[in-house]
Full PDB file with SEQRES, HELIX, SHEET, SSBOND, CRYST1, ORIGX, SCALE, CONECT and MASTER records, all heavy atoms in Angstrom:
SEQRES   1 A   33  ASP LEU GLN MET THR SER LEU LYS PRO GLU ASP THR ALA          
SEQRES   2 A   33  VAL TYR TYR CYS ALA ALA LYS LYS GLY ILE PRO THR SER          
SEQRES   3 A   33  THR GLY SER GLU TYR ASP TYR                                  
HELIX    1 AA1 PRO A    9  ASP A   11  5                                   3    
HELIX    2 AA2 GLY A   28  GLU A   30  5                                   3    
CRYST1    1.000    1.000    1.000  90.00  90.00  90.00 P 1           1          
ORIGX1      1.000000  0.000000  0.000000        0.00000                         
ORIGX2      0.000000  1.000000  0.000000        0.00000                         
ORIGX3      0.000000  0.000000  1.000000        0.00000                         
SCALE1      1.000000  0.000000  0.000000        0.00000                         
SCALE2      0.000000  1.000000  0.000000        0.00000                         
SCALE3      0.000000  0.000000  1.000000        0.00000                         
ATOM      1  N   ASP A   1     -22.919  -8.639  -3.158  1.00  0.00           N  
ATOM      2  CA  ASP A   1     -22.772  -7.222  -3.446  1.00  0.00           C  
ATOM      3  C   ASP A   1     -22.531  -6.422  -2.178  1.00  0.00           C  
ATOM      4  O   ASP A   1     -22.915  -6.821  -1.080  1.00  0.00           O  
ATOM      5  CB  ASP A   1     -24.013  -6.673  -4.134  1.00  0.00           C  
ATOM      6  CG  ASP A   1     -24.200  -7.196  -5.543  1.00  0.00           C  
ATOM      7  OD1 ASP A   1     -23.270  -7.819  -6.085  1.00  0.00           O  
ATOM      8  OD2 ASP A   1     -25.290  -6.978  -6.108  1.00  0.00           O  
ATOM      9  N   LEU A   2     -21.886  -5.297  -2.348  1.00  0.00           N  
ATOM     10  CA  LEU A   2     -21.710  -4.329  -1.273  1.00  0.00           C  
ATOM     11  C   LEU A   2     -22.134  -2.979  -1.817  1.00  0.00           C  
ATOM     12  O   LEU A   2     -21.431  -2.386  -2.636  1.00  0.00           O  
ATOM     13  CB  LEU A   2     -20.259  -4.286  -0.793  1.00  0.00           C  
ATOM     14  CG  LEU A   2     -20.003  -3.375   0.405  1.00  0.00           C  
ATOM     15  CD1 LEU A   2     -20.662  -3.948   1.661  1.00  0.00           C  
ATOM     16  CD2 LEU A   2     -18.500  -3.189   0.625  1.00  0.00           C  
ATOM     17  N   GLN A   3     -23.303  -2.521  -1.377  1.00  0.00           N  
ATOM     18  CA  GLN A   3     -23.803  -1.218  -1.782  1.00  0.00           C  
ATOM     19  C   GLN A   3     -23.288  -0.178  -0.801  1.00  0.00           C  
ATOM     20  O   GLN A   3     -23.586  -0.252   0.392  1.00  0.00           O  
ATOM     21  CB  GLN A   3     -25.328  -1.212  -1.818  1.00  0.00           C  
ATOM     22  CG  GLN A   3     -25.941   0.124  -2.193  1.00  0.00           C  
ATOM     23  CD  GLN A   3     -25.607   0.530  -3.610  1.00  0.00           C  
ATOM     24  OE1 GLN A   3     -25.804  -0.252  -4.540  1.00  0.00           O  
ATOM     25  NE2 GLN A   3     -25.106   1.741  -3.782  1.00  0.00           N  
ATOM     26  N   MET A   4     -22.527   0.767  -1.299  1.00  0.00           N  
ATOM     27  CA  MET A   4     -21.908   1.778  -0.460  1.00  0.00           C  
ATOM     28  C   MET A   4     -22.526   3.133  -0.769  1.00  0.00           C  
ATOM     29  O   MET A   4     -22.584   3.548  -1.925  1.00  0.00           O  
ATOM     30  CB  MET A   4     -20.398   1.823  -0.690  1.00  0.00           C  
ATOM     31  CG  MET A   4     -19.713   0.474  -0.531  1.00  0.00           C  
ATOM     32  SD  MET A   4     -17.917   0.570  -0.734  1.00  0.00           S  
ATOM     33  CE  MET A   4     -17.818   1.042  -2.465  1.00  0.00           C  
ATOM     34  N   THR A   5     -22.975   3.813   0.263  1.00  0.00           N  
ATOM     35  CA  THR A   5     -23.549   5.141   0.123  1.00  0.00           C  
ATOM     36  C   THR A   5     -22.887   6.083   1.111  1.00  0.00           C  
ATOM     37  O   THR A   5     -22.192   5.665   2.028  1.00  0.00           O  
ATOM     38  CB  THR A   5     -25.069   5.126   0.360  1.00  0.00           C  
ATOM     39  OG1 THR A   5     -25.343   4.714   1.705  1.00  0.00           O  
ATOM     40  CG2 THR A   5     -25.759   4.177  -0.601  1.00  0.00           C  
ATOM     41  N   SER A   6     -23.132   7.374   0.920  1.00  0.00           N  
ATOM     42  CA  SER A   6     -22.561   8.406   1.797  1.00  0.00           C  
ATOM     43  C   SER A   6     -21.068   8.195   1.994  1.00  0.00           C  
ATOM     44  O   SER A   6     -20.551   8.260   3.107  1.00  0.00           O  
ATOM     45  CB  SER A   6     -23.280   8.410   3.149  1.00  0.00           C  
ATOM     46  OG  SER A   6     -24.661   8.661   2.992  1.00  0.00           O  
ATOM     47  N   LEU A   7     -20.387   7.974   0.909  1.00  0.00           N  
ATOM     48  CA  LEU A   7     -18.965   7.644   0.980  1.00  0.00           C  
ATOM     49  C   LEU A   7     -18.136   8.809   1.503  1.00  0.00           C  
ATOM     50  O   LEU A   7     -18.426   9.974   1.218  1.00  0.00           O  
ATOM     51  CB  LEU A   7     -18.462   7.205  -0.390  1.00  0.00           C  
ATOM     52  CG  LEU A   7     -18.892   5.788  -0.785  1.00  0.00           C  
ATOM     53  CD1 LEU A   7     -18.719   5.574  -2.282  1.00  0.00           C  
ATOM     54  CD2 LEU A   7     -18.081   4.760   0.001  1.00  0.00           C  
ATOM     55  N   LYS A   8     -17.109   8.461   2.251  1.00  0.00           N  
ATOM     56  CA  LYS A   8     -16.199   9.415   2.861  1.00  0.00           C  
ATOM     57  C   LYS A   8     -14.785   9.144   2.381  1.00  0.00           C  
ATOM     58  O   LYS A   8     -14.467   8.026   1.975  1.00  0.00           O  
ATOM     59  CB  LYS A   8     -16.246   9.290   4.391  1.00  0.00           C  
ATOM     60  CG  LYS A   8     -17.632   9.360   4.994  1.00  0.00           C  
ATOM     61  CD  LYS A   8     -17.575   9.059   6.481  1.00  0.00           C  
ATOM     62  CE  LYS A   8     -18.958   9.088   7.101  1.00  0.00           C  
ATOM     63  NZ  LYS A   8     -18.903   8.755   8.557  1.00  0.00           N  
ATOM     64  N   PRO A   9     -13.908  10.139   2.446  1.00  0.00           N  
ATOM     65  CA  PRO A   9     -12.516   9.904   2.054  1.00  0.00           C  
ATOM     66  C   PRO A   9     -11.868   8.747   2.806  1.00  0.00           C  
ATOM     67  O   PRO A   9     -11.036   8.035   2.236  1.00  0.00           O  
ATOM     68  CB  PRO A   9     -11.829  11.234   2.378  1.00  0.00           C  
ATOM     69  CG  PRO A   9     -12.912  12.243   2.210  1.00  0.00           C  
ATOM     70  CD  PRO A   9     -14.154  11.564   2.727  1.00  0.00           C  
ATOM     71  N   GLU A  10     -12.242   8.541   4.055  1.00  0.00           N  
ATOM     72  CA  GLU A  10     -11.671   7.456   4.834  1.00  0.00           C  
ATOM     73  C   GLU A  10     -12.121   6.076   4.364  1.00  0.00           C  
ATOM     74  O   GLU A  10     -11.616   5.062   4.840  1.00  0.00           O  
ATOM     75  CB  GLU A  10     -11.976   7.624   6.333  1.00  0.00           C  
ATOM     76  CG  GLU A  10     -13.433   7.889   6.627  1.00  0.00           C  
ATOM     77  CD  GLU A  10     -13.723   9.369   6.825  1.00  0.00           C  
ATOM     78  OE1 GLU A  10     -13.243  10.180   6.014  1.00  0.00           O  
ATOM     79  OE2 GLU A  10     -14.425   9.712   7.804  1.00  0.00           O  
ATOM     80  N   ASP A  11     -13.076   6.030   3.442  1.00  0.00           N  
ATOM     81  CA  ASP A  11     -13.476   4.765   2.842  1.00  0.00           C  
ATOM     82  C   ASP A  11     -12.547   4.346   1.715  1.00  0.00           C  
ATOM     83  O   ASP A  11     -12.678   3.236   1.186  1.00  0.00           O  
ATOM     84  CB  ASP A  11     -14.898   4.850   2.298  1.00  0.00           C  
ATOM     85  CG  ASP A  11     -15.939   5.045   3.383  1.00  0.00           C  
ATOM     86  OD1 ASP A  11     -15.816   4.405   4.453  1.00  0.00           O  
ATOM     87  OD2 ASP A  11     -16.883   5.825   3.165  1.00  0.00           O  
ATOM     88  N   THR A  12     -11.631   5.217   1.337  1.00  0.00           N  
ATOM     89  CA  THR A  12     -10.695   4.916   0.264  1.00  0.00           C  
ATOM     90  C   THR A  12      -9.832   3.715   0.636  1.00  0.00           C  
ATOM     91  O   THR A  12      -9.169   3.708   1.670  1.00  0.00           O  
ATOM     92  CB  THR A  12      -9.806   6.126  -0.033  1.00  0.00           C  
ATOM     93  OG1 THR A  12     -10.613   7.194  -0.534  1.00  0.00           O  
ATOM     94  CG2 THR A  12      -8.745   5.780  -1.070  1.00  0.00           C  
ATOM     95  N   ALA A  13      -9.845   2.701  -0.213  1.00  0.00           N  
ATOM     96  CA  ALA A  13      -9.104   1.472   0.054  1.00  0.00           C  
ATOM     97  C   ALA A  13      -9.294   0.512  -1.105  1.00  0.00           C  
ATOM     98  O   ALA A  13     -10.124   0.731  -1.987  1.00  0.00           O  
ATOM     99  CB  ALA A  13      -9.584   0.818   1.351  1.00  0.00           C  
ATOM    100  N   VAL A  14      -8.519  -0.552  -1.083  1.00  0.00           N  
ATOM    101  CA  VAL A  14      -8.786  -1.683  -1.953  1.00  0.00           C  
ATOM    102  C   VAL A  14      -9.772  -2.584  -1.224  1.00  0.00           C  
ATOM    103  O   VAL A  14      -9.531  -2.972  -0.078  1.00  0.00           O  
ATOM    104  CB  VAL A  14      -7.509  -2.469  -2.298  1.00  0.00           C  
ATOM    105  CG1 VAL A  14      -7.842  -3.704  -3.118  1.00  0.00           C  
ATOM    106  CG2 VAL A  14      -6.535  -1.579  -3.058  1.00  0.00           C  
ATOM    107  N   TYR A  15     -10.864  -2.913  -1.871  1.00  0.00           N  
ATOM    108  CA  TYR A  15     -11.898  -3.734  -1.270  1.00  0.00           C  
ATOM    109  C   TYR A  15     -11.809  -5.157  -1.787  1.00  0.00           C  
ATOM    110  O   TYR A  15     -11.700  -5.385  -2.992  1.00  0.00           O  
ATOM    111  CB  TYR A  15     -13.280  -3.154  -1.574  1.00  0.00           C  
ATOM    112  CG  TYR A  15     -13.607  -1.947  -0.735  1.00  0.00           C  
ATOM    113  CD1 TYR A  15     -12.948  -0.742  -0.942  1.00  0.00           C  
ATOM    114  CD2 TYR A  15     -14.562  -2.017   0.280  1.00  0.00           C  
ATOM    115  CE1 TYR A  15     -13.228   0.365  -0.162  1.00  0.00           C  
ATOM    116  CE2 TYR A  15     -14.852  -0.910   1.062  1.00  0.00           C  
ATOM    117  CZ  TYR A  15     -14.182   0.274   0.840  1.00  0.00           C  
ATOM    118  OH  TYR A  15     -14.472   1.373   1.620  1.00  0.00           O  
ATOM    119  N   TYR A  16     -11.877  -6.106  -0.868  1.00  0.00           N  
ATOM    120  CA  TYR A  16     -11.785  -7.514  -1.193  1.00  0.00           C  
ATOM    121  C   TYR A  16     -13.032  -8.253  -0.743  1.00  0.00           C  
ATOM    122  O   TYR A  16     -13.566  -7.989   0.331  1.00  0.00           O  
ATOM    123  CB  TYR A  16     -10.588  -8.155  -0.483  1.00  0.00           C  
ATOM    124  CG  TYR A  16      -9.245  -7.580  -0.836  1.00  0.00           C  
ATOM    125  CD1 TYR A  16      -8.715  -6.520  -0.118  1.00  0.00           C  
ATOM    126  CD2 TYR A  16      -8.496  -8.120  -1.875  1.00  0.00           C  
ATOM    127  CE1 TYR A  16      -7.478  -5.998  -0.425  1.00  0.00           C  
ATOM    128  CE2 TYR A  16      -7.259  -7.604  -2.191  1.00  0.00           C  
ATOM    129  CZ  TYR A  16      -6.754  -6.537  -1.460  1.00  0.00           C  
ATOM    130  OH  TYR A  16      -5.516  -6.031  -1.773  1.00  0.00           O  
ATOM    131  N   CYS A  17     -13.481  -9.194  -1.546  1.00  0.00           N  
ATOM    132  CA  CYS A  17     -14.488 -10.122  -1.076  1.00  0.00           C  
ATOM    133  C   CYS A  17     -13.799 -11.431  -0.711  1.00  0.00           C  
ATOM    134  O   CYS A  17     -12.736 -11.765  -1.234  1.00  0.00           O  
ATOM    135  CB  CYS A  17     -15.603 -10.349  -2.105  1.00  0.00           C  
ATOM    136  SG  CYS A  17     -15.115 -11.200  -3.621  1.00  0.00           S  
ATOM    137  N   ALA A  18     -14.402 -12.156   0.207  1.00  0.00           N  
ATOM    138  CA  ALA A  18     -13.816 -13.389   0.700  1.00  0.00           C  
ATOM    139  C   ALA A  18     -14.919 -14.384   1.036  1.00  0.00           C  
ATOM    140  O   ALA A  18     -16.070 -13.997   1.255  1.00  0.00           O  
ATOM    141  CB  ALA A  18     -12.955 -13.116   1.945  1.00  0.00           C  
ATOM    142  N   ALA A  19     -14.560 -15.661   1.094  1.00  0.00           N  
ATOM    143  CA  ALA A  19     -15.528 -16.720   1.366  1.00  0.00           C  
ATOM    144  C   ALA A  19     -14.984 -17.683   2.404  1.00  0.00           C  
ATOM    145  O   ALA A  19     -13.778 -17.934   2.461  1.00  0.00           O  
ATOM    146  CB  ALA A  19     -15.869 -17.470   0.077  1.00  0.00           C  
ATOM    147  N   LYS A  20     -15.868 -18.213   3.221  1.00  0.00           N  
ATOM    148  CA  LYS A  20     -15.502 -19.190   4.227  1.00  0.00           C  
ATOM    149  C   LYS A  20     -16.649 -20.138   4.502  1.00  0.00           C  
ATOM    150  O   LYS A  20     -17.818 -19.789   4.269  1.00  0.00           O  
ATOM    151  CB  LYS A  20     -15.098 -18.502   5.547  1.00  0.00           C  
ATOM    152  CG  LYS A  20     -16.257 -17.824   6.260  1.00  0.00           C  
ATOM    153  CD  LYS A  20     -15.824 -17.094   7.531  1.00  0.00           C  
ATOM    154  CE  LYS A  20     -15.324 -18.034   8.610  1.00  0.00           C  
ATOM    155  NZ  LYS A  20     -16.396 -18.894   9.164  1.00  0.00           N  
ATOM    156  N   LYS A  21     -16.320 -21.307   5.003  1.00  0.00           N  
ATOM    157  CA  LYS A  21     -17.339 -22.231   5.477  1.00  0.00           C  
ATOM    158  C   LYS A  21     -17.846 -21.772   6.827  1.00  0.00           C  
ATOM    159  O   LYS A  21     -17.152 -21.078   7.566  1.00  0.00           O  
ATOM    160  CB  LYS A  21     -16.763 -23.645   5.578  1.00  0.00           C  
ATOM    161  CG  LYS A  21     -16.433 -24.298   4.248  1.00  0.00           C  
ATOM    162  CD  LYS A  21     -17.702 -24.702   3.521  1.00  0.00           C  
ATOM    163  CE  LYS A  21     -17.389 -25.494   2.257  1.00  0.00           C  
ATOM    164  NZ  LYS A  21     -16.767 -26.811   2.573  1.00  0.00           N  
ATOM    165  N   GLY A  22     -19.057 -22.167   7.156  1.00  0.00           N  
ATOM    166  CA  GLY A  22     -19.595 -21.858   8.465  1.00  0.00           C  
ATOM    167  C   GLY A  22     -20.177 -20.464   8.559  1.00  0.00           C  
ATOM    168  O   GLY A  22     -20.579 -19.858   7.572  1.00  0.00           O  
ATOM    169  N   ILE A  23     -20.203 -19.957   9.789  1.00  0.00           N  
ATOM    170  CA  ILE A  23     -20.836 -18.674  10.048  1.00  0.00           C  
ATOM    171  C   ILE A  23     -19.972 -17.518   9.575  1.00  0.00           C  
ATOM    172  O   ILE A  23     -18.750 -17.634   9.507  1.00  0.00           O  
ATOM    173  CB  ILE A  23     -21.154 -18.510  11.548  1.00  0.00           C  
ATOM    174  CG1 ILE A  23     -19.857 -18.525  12.364  1.00  0.00           C  
ATOM    175  CG2 ILE A  23     -22.096 -19.600  12.026  1.00  0.00           C  
ATOM    176  CD1 ILE A  23     -20.056 -18.167  13.825  1.00  0.00           C  
ATOM    177  N   PRO A  24     -20.596 -16.403   9.251  1.00  0.00           N  
ATOM    178  CA  PRO A  24     -19.808 -15.225   8.881  1.00  0.00           C  
ATOM    179  C   PRO A  24     -19.102 -14.663  10.097  1.00  0.00           C  
ATOM    180  O   PRO A  24     -19.650 -14.671  11.201  1.00  0.00           O  
ATOM    181  CB  PRO A  24     -20.866 -14.256   8.341  1.00  0.00           C  
ATOM    182  CG  PRO A  24     -22.125 -14.651   9.053  1.00  0.00           C  
ATOM    183  CD  PRO A  24     -22.054 -16.143   9.195  1.00  0.00           C  
ATOM    184  N   THR A  25     -17.903 -14.173   9.913  1.00  0.00           N  
ATOM    185  CA  THR A  25     -17.123 -13.575  10.986  1.00  0.00           C  
ATOM    186  C   THR A  25     -16.468 -12.304  10.488  1.00  0.00           C  
ATOM    187  O   THR A  25     -16.496 -11.988   9.301  1.00  0.00           O  
ATOM    188  CB  THR A  25     -16.028 -14.523  11.495  1.00  0.00           C  
ATOM    189  OG1 THR A  25     -15.011 -14.663  10.496  1.00  0.00           O  
ATOM    190  CG2 THR A  25     -16.608 -15.894  11.825  1.00  0.00           C  
ATOM    191  N   SER A  26     -15.850 -11.577  11.420  1.00  0.00           N  
ATOM    192  CA  SER A  26     -15.165 -10.339  11.096  1.00  0.00           C  
ATOM    193  C   SER A  26     -13.651 -10.504  11.038  1.00  0.00           C  
ATOM    194  O   SER A  26     -12.932  -9.512  10.903  1.00  0.00           O  
ATOM    195  CB  SER A  26     -15.519  -9.260  12.124  1.00  0.00           C  
ATOM    196  OG  SER A  26     -15.111  -9.641  13.422  1.00  0.00           O  
ATOM    197  N   THR A  27     -13.173 -11.724  11.122  1.00  0.00           N  
ATOM    198  CA  THR A  27     -11.742 -11.997  11.153  1.00  0.00           C  
ATOM    199  C   THR A  27     -11.271 -12.505   9.802  1.00  0.00           C  
ATOM    200  O   THR A  27     -11.650 -13.593   9.370  1.00  0.00           O  
ATOM    201  CB  THR A  27     -11.410 -13.025  12.235  1.00  0.00           C  
ATOM    202  OG1 THR A  27     -11.897 -12.567  13.493  1.00  0.00           O  
ATOM    203  CG2 THR A  27      -9.911 -13.254  12.320  1.00  0.00           C  
ATOM    204  N   GLY A  28     -10.431 -11.725   9.149  1.00  0.00           N  
ATOM    205  CA  GLY A  28      -9.997 -12.065   7.810  1.00  0.00           C  
ATOM    206  C   GLY A  28      -9.268 -13.384   7.706  1.00  0.00           C  
ATOM    207  O   GLY A  28      -9.418 -14.105   6.716  1.00  0.00           O  
ATOM    208  N   SER A  29      -8.485 -13.735   8.720  1.00  0.00           N  
ATOM    209  CA  SER A  29      -7.706 -14.963   8.673  1.00  0.00           C  
ATOM    210  C   SER A  29      -8.575 -16.211   8.679  1.00  0.00           C  
ATOM    211  O   SER A  29      -8.087 -17.300   8.378  1.00  0.00           O  
ATOM    212  CB  SER A  29      -6.719 -15.015   9.851  1.00  0.00           C  
ATOM    213  OG  SER A  29      -7.409 -15.006  11.088  1.00  0.00           O  
ATOM    214  N   GLU A  30      -9.834 -16.079   9.009  1.00  0.00           N  
ATOM    215  CA  GLU A  30     -10.738 -17.216   9.025  1.00  0.00           C  
ATOM    216  C   GLU A  30     -11.357 -17.503   7.661  1.00  0.00           C  
ATOM    217  O   GLU A  30     -12.017 -18.525   7.494  1.00  0.00           O  
ATOM    218  CB  GLU A  30     -11.837 -16.996  10.065  1.00  0.00           C  
ATOM    219  CG  GLU A  30     -11.307 -16.908  11.489  1.00  0.00           C  
ATOM    220  CD  GLU A  30     -12.392 -16.647  12.510  1.00  0.00           C  
ATOM    221  OE1 GLU A  30     -13.567 -16.483  12.115  1.00  0.00           O  
ATOM    222  OE2 GLU A  30     -12.068 -16.605  13.710  1.00  0.00           O  
ATOM    223  N   TYR A  31     -11.136 -16.634   6.716  1.00  0.00           N  
ATOM    224  CA  TYR A  31     -11.673 -16.822   5.373  1.00  0.00           C  
ATOM    225  C   TYR A  31     -10.696 -17.591   4.507  1.00  0.00           C  
ATOM    226  O   TYR A  31      -9.476 -17.409   4.605  1.00  0.00           O  
ATOM    227  CB  TYR A  31     -12.019 -15.469   4.746  1.00  0.00           C  
ATOM    228  CG  TYR A  31     -13.268 -14.870   5.333  1.00  0.00           C  
ATOM    229  CD1 TYR A  31     -13.252 -14.282   6.587  1.00  0.00           C  
ATOM    230  CD2 TYR A  31     -14.470 -14.910   4.633  1.00  0.00           C  
ATOM    231  CE1 TYR A  31     -14.412 -13.757   7.145  1.00  0.00           C  
ATOM    232  CE2 TYR A  31     -15.628 -14.375   5.175  1.00  0.00           C  
ATOM    233  CZ  TYR A  31     -15.592 -13.799   6.437  1.00  0.00           C  
ATOM    234  OH  TYR A  31     -16.747 -13.275   6.972  1.00  0.00           O  
ATOM    235  N   ASP A  32     -11.228 -18.449   3.660  1.00  0.00           N  
ATOM    236  CA  ASP A  32     -10.418 -19.378   2.888  1.00  0.00           C  
ATOM    237  C   ASP A  32     -10.102 -18.904   1.474  1.00  0.00           C  
ATOM    238  O   ASP A  32      -9.074 -19.289   0.906  1.00  0.00           O  
ATOM    239  CB  ASP A  32     -11.126 -20.730   2.798  1.00  0.00           C  
ATOM    240  CG  ASP A  32     -11.405 -21.327   4.157  1.00  0.00           C  
ATOM    241  OD1 ASP A  32     -10.467 -21.436   4.961  1.00  0.00           O  
ATOM    242  OD2 ASP A  32     -12.572 -21.694   4.423  1.00  0.00           O  
ATOM    243  N   TYR A  33     -10.965 -18.117   0.907  1.00  0.00           N  
ATOM    244  CA  TYR A  33     -10.805 -17.686  -0.474  1.00  0.00           C  
ATOM    245  C   TYR A  33     -10.973 -16.184  -0.577  1.00  0.00           C  
ATOM    246  O   TYR A  33     -11.823 -15.595   0.100  1.00  0.00           O  
ATOM    247  CB  TYR A  33     -11.823 -18.380  -1.377  1.00  0.00           C  
ATOM    248  CG  TYR A  33     -11.749 -19.883  -1.308  1.00  0.00           C  
ATOM    249  CD1 TYR A  33     -12.635 -20.598  -0.515  1.00  0.00           C  
ATOM    250  CD2 TYR A  33     -10.780 -20.582  -2.020  1.00  0.00           C  
ATOM    251  CE1 TYR A  33     -12.560 -21.979  -0.435  1.00  0.00           C  
ATOM    252  CE2 TYR A  33     -10.706 -21.956  -1.945  1.00  0.00           C  
ATOM    253  CZ  TYR A  33     -11.597 -22.659  -1.152  1.00  0.00           C  
ATOM    254  OH  TYR A  33     -11.512 -24.023  -1.079  1.00  0.00           O  
TER     255      TYR A  33                                                      
MASTER        0    0    0    2    0    0    0    6  254    1    0    3          
END                                                                             
């Protein structure tokens, strides 16, 4: 889950969840699904 509060107009976007093996990272290309 992603609980979002105090939302701002700049939060407007399509939000995606993703999964990967190993440690969590901030790089989208490292996610497999």
